Amino acid sequence: MAGITQQDVASVYAEALLAVARQQGAIESLLEEWTALAQLMRGNRRLGEFLKSPLVDASERAAAIERVFRGQASDLLVDALQVINRKGRSAYLLDVAEAYRKAVDRAAGRVDVKVSTAVPLSAALRDELAAAILKFSGRQAILHETVDESLLAGMVVRVGDQKFDTSASSALKRLDTALLERASRQIMQGQSPVEG
């Protein structure tokens, strides 16, 4: 049996936070705060390391959280930071922020969709894709687009754990594999691969 991962732990905290935020009518505002905190931690390396480092004494971190965040952020966020700190899970703060975002999206019927295309999507194609994903998954698509010229044409779409690859490069690879398999079978049967 696989062990519990950092993402598993972060998801537990995120679901608990979502339940409390729902009771307080603060789901989206807490999401904004977690997003801002994650950006701050990534942008200010010293702060990020201080908040996450196992080398920092928990009581020292708790005092700093109170000084820096209390009155500047919601009590819900500050209390969450204190609980995470007390439980020795401060290294998971960025994971909790991401898990909370995903939990809020799930609750709101939104889904992350990663789209790779050879050229940027047009507005019409973006709308078409969002409509197809809504029909397929029953959720509103949050598109994360990247351009990958190696695809030649078409696109690769990831919705959760599912991948849909309609790229030209993928089609060419499938064709190449099929031709190699056919030639291999023909050689094994004593035929020339160029014969019908």
Protein backbone atom coordinates (compact mmCIF):
# COMPACT_ATOMS: atom_id res chain seq x y z
CA MET A 1 0.00 0.00 0.00
CA ALA A 2 1.38 3.41 -0.97
CA GLY A 3 2.15 5.92 1.76
CA ILE A 4 0.33 9.16 2.34
CA THR A 5 1.70 11.89 0.09
CA GLN A 6 2.16 15.58 0.74
CA GLN A 7 -0.73 16.22 -1.67
CA ASP A 8 -2.96 13.85 0.34
CA VAL A 9 -2.23 15.79 3.52
CA ALA A 10 -2.74 19.12 1.73
CA SER A 11 -6.10 17.88 0.41
CA VAL A 12 -7.29 17.04 3.92
CA TYR A 13 -6.47 20.57 5.11
CA ALA A 14 -8.06 22.06 1.97
CA GLU A 15 -11.33 20.17 2.44
CA ALA A 16 -11.49 21.19 6.12
CA LEU A 17 -10.83 24.82 5.14
CA LEU A 18 -13.51 24.64 2.46
CA ALA A 19 -16.06 23.39 4.99
CA VAL A 20 -15.27 26.22 7.43
CA ALA A 21 -15.17 28.83 4.64
CA ARG A 22 -18.56 27.60 3.39
CA GLN A 23 -20.05 28.07 6.89
CA GLN A 24 -18.64 31.60 7.01
CA GLY A 25 -19.60 32.48 3.43
CA ALA A 26 -15.94 33.10 2.67
CA ILE A 27 -15.04 30.47 0.05
CA GLU A 28 -13.94 32.85 -2.71
CA SER A 29 -12.36 35.45 -0.41
CA LEU A 30 -10.29 32.74 1.26
CA LEU A 31 -9.27 31.49 -2.18
CA GLU A 32 -8.05 35.00 -3.04
CA GLU A 33 -6.05 35.11 0.19
CA TRP A 34 -4.44 31.70 -0.38
CA THR A 35 -3.60 32.69 -3.96
CA ALA A 36 -2.03 35.95 -2.77
CA LEU A 37 -0.10 34.14 -0.03
CA ALA A 38 1.25 31.57 -2.51
CA GLN A 39 2.33 34.37 -4.88
CA LEU A 40 3.97 36.22 -1.98
CA MET A 41 5.84 33.08 -0.89
CA ARG A 42 7.08 32.43 -4.42
CA GLY A 43 8.01 36.08 -4.96
CA ASN A 44 9.72 36.62 -1.61
CA ARG A 45 12.11 33.72 -1.19
CA ARG A 46 13.10 34.64 2.37
CA LEU A 47 9.48 34.76 3.52
CA GLY A 48 8.68 31.51 1.70
CA GLU A 49 11.62 29.73 3.29
CA PHE A 50 10.79 31.13 6.74
CA LEU A 51 7.19 29.94 6.51
CA LYS A 52 8.09 26.49 5.13
CA SER A 53 11.43 25.59 6.68
CA PRO A 54 11.52 22.75 9.22
CA LEU A 55 14.57 24.47 10.72
CA VAL A 56 12.48 27.40 11.99
CA ASP A 57 11.13 26.90 15.51
CA ALA A 58 7.33 26.49 15.43
CA SER A 59 6.78 29.01 18.26
CA GLU A 60 8.98 31.58 16.46
CA ARG A 61 6.99 31.02 13.26
CA ALA A 62 3.68 31.28 15.16
CA ALA A 63 4.70 34.65 16.62
CA ALA A 64 5.76 35.90 13.18
CA ILE A 65 2.48 34.74 11.61
CA GLU A 66 0.59 36.75 14.23
CA ARG A 67 2.76 39.84 13.74
CA VAL A 68 2.72 39.80 9.95
CA PHE A 69 -0.73 38.48 9.06
CA ARG A 70 -3.17 39.15 11.94
CA GLY A 71 -5.22 42.21 11.00
CA GLN A 72 -3.89 42.13 7.42
CA ALA A 73 -5.55 38.85 6.41
CA SER A 74 -8.77 37.19 7.54
CA ASP A 75 -8.81 35.40 10.87
CA LEU A 76 -9.72 32.26 8.92
CA LEU A 77 -6.46 32.35 6.95
CA VAL A 78 -4.32 33.28 9.97
CA ASP A 79 -5.94 30.58 12.12
CA ALA A 80 -5.36 28.05 9.32
CA LEU A 81 -1.69 29.06 9.11
CA GLN A 82 -1.38 28.63 12.88
CA VAL A 83 -2.99 25.17 12.84
CA ILE A 84 -0.77 24.04 9.95
CA ASN A 85 2.26 25.39 11.81
CA ARG A 86 1.28 23.70 15.09
CA LYS A 87 0.83 20.37 13.32
CA GLY A 88 4.30 20.62 11.81
CA ARG A 89 3.00 20.89 8.25
CA SER A 90 4.30 24.34 7.31
CA ALA A 91 6.35 22.82 4.49
CA TYR A 92 3.00 22.02 2.84
CA LEU A 93 1.67 25.59 2.64
CA LEU A 94 1.96 25.90 -1.16
CA ASP A 95 0.40 22.46 -1.56
CA VAL A 96 -2.50 23.48 0.71
CA ALA A 97 -3.01 26.64 -1.37
CA GLU A 98 -3.19 24.58 -4.58
CA ALA A 99 -5.38 21.89 -3.01
CA TYR A 100 -7.78 24.56 -1.73
CA ARG A 101 -8.00 26.11 -5.22
CA LYS A 102 -8.81 22.69 -6.69
CA ALA A 103 -11.40 21.97 -3.97
CA VAL A 104 -13.10 25.32 -4.61
CA ASP A 105 -13.11 24.67 -8.36
CA ARG A 106 -14.63 21.20 -7.85
CA ALA A 107 -17.31 22.62 -5.56
CA ALA A 108 -18.09 25.34 -8.11
CA GLY A 109 -18.25 22.87 -11.00
CA ARG A 110 -15.01 24.03 -12.61
CA VAL A 111 -12.23 21.82 -13.97
CA ASP A 112 -8.62 22.56 -14.93
CA VAL A 113 -7.93 21.78 -18.57
CA LYS A 114 -4.41 21.84 -19.99
CA VAL A 115 -4.37 22.51 -23.72
CA SER A 116 -1.26 22.29 -25.89
CA THR A 117 -1.54 23.50 -29.47
CA ALA A 118 0.88 24.15 -32.32
CA VAL A 119 -0.45 27.73 -32.62
CA PRO A 120 -2.45 29.86 -30.17
CA LEU A 121 -6.16 29.08 -29.99
CA SER A 122 -8.55 31.47 -31.68
CA ALA A 123 -11.39 32.86 -29.56
CA ALA A 124 -13.91 30.77 -31.53
CA LEU A 125 -11.92 27.54 -31.05
CA ARG A 126 -11.44 28.34 -27.35
CA ASP A 127 -15.22 28.72 -26.95
CA GLU A 128 -15.83 25.49 -28.90
CA LEU A 129 -13.36 23.61 -26.72
CA ALA A 130 -14.90 24.98 -23.51
CA ALA A 131 -18.37 23.92 -24.71
CA ALA A 132 -17.12 20.42 -25.59
CA ILE A 133 -15.49 20.04 -22.17
CA LEU A 134 -18.68 21.20 -20.45
CA LYS A 135 -20.62 18.58 -22.42
CA PHE A 136 -18.00 15.89 -21.72
CA SER A 137 -17.36 16.56 -18.02
CA GLY A 138 -20.37 18.57 -16.88
CA ARG A 139 -17.95 21.21 -15.59
CA GLN A 140 -16.89 24.66 -16.69
CA ALA A 141 -13.39 24.53 -18.20
CA ILE A 142 -10.55 26.63 -16.84
CA LEU A 143 -8.20 26.54 -19.80
CA HIS A 144 -4.43 26.58 -19.29
CA GLU A 145 -2.99 27.02 -22.76
CA THR A 146 0.52 26.39 -24.00
CA VAL A 147 1.95 26.55 -27.51
CA ASP A 148 4.09 23.58 -28.56
CA GLU A 149 5.24 23.89 -32.17
CA SER A 150 6.40 20.25 -32.19
CA LEU A 151 2.72 19.21 -32.37
CA LEU A 152 2.62 20.46 -36.00
CA ALA A 153 -1.19 20.80 -35.92
CA GLY A 154 -4.12 19.74 -33.75
CA MET A 155 -4.01 19.73 -29.96
CA VAL A 156 -3.41 17.74 -26.81
CA VAL A 157 -6.06 18.24 -24.12
CA ARG A 158 -5.81 17.01 -20.54
CA VAL A 159 -8.96 17.03 -18.42
CA GLY A 160 -8.00 15.72 -15.01
CA ASP A 161 -6.34 12.35 -15.59
CA GLN A 162 -7.71 11.94 -19.12
CA LYS A 163 -5.69 12.86 -22.19
CA PHE A 164 -7.04 13.50 -25.67
CA ASP A 165 -4.36 13.77 -28.36
CA THR A 166 -5.47 14.94 -31.80
CA SER A 167 -2.10 16.39 -32.75
CA ALA A 168 -0.56 15.73 -36.15
CA SER A 169 2.69 14.58 -34.54
CA SER A 170 0.79 11.95 -32.55
CA ALA A 171 -1.06 10.79 -35.67
CA LEU A 172 2.25 10.51 -37.53
CA LYS A 173 3.73 8.45 -34.69
CA ARG A 174 0.72 6.11 -34.75
CA LEU A 175 1.03 5.75 -38.53
CA ASP A 176 4.78 5.08 -38.23
CA THR A 177 4.15 2.43 -35.57
CA ALA A 178 1.42 0.79 -37.65
CA LEU A 179 3.67 0.67 -40.73
CA LEU A 180 6.55 -0.81 -38.74
CA GLU A 181 4.25 -3.46 -37.23
CA ARG A 182 2.89 -4.33 -40.68
CA ALA A 183 6.39 -4.62 -42.15
CA SER A 184 7.49 -6.75 -39.20
CA ARG A 185 4.52 -9.12 -39.65
CA GLN A 186 5.20 -9.43 -43.37
CA ILE A 187 8.87 -10.18 -42.81
CA MET A 188 7.93 -12.82 -40.24
CA GLN A 189 5.56 -14.37 -42.81
CA GLY A 190 8.30 -14.42 -45.43
CA GLN A 191 6.83 -11.61 -47.54
CA SER A 192 8.63 -8.55 -48.74
CA PRO A 193 7.37 -5.46 -46.86
CA VAL A 194 6.90 -3.68 -50.18
CA GLU A 195 4.54 -6.38 -51.54
CA GLY A 196 0.81 -5.82 -51.17
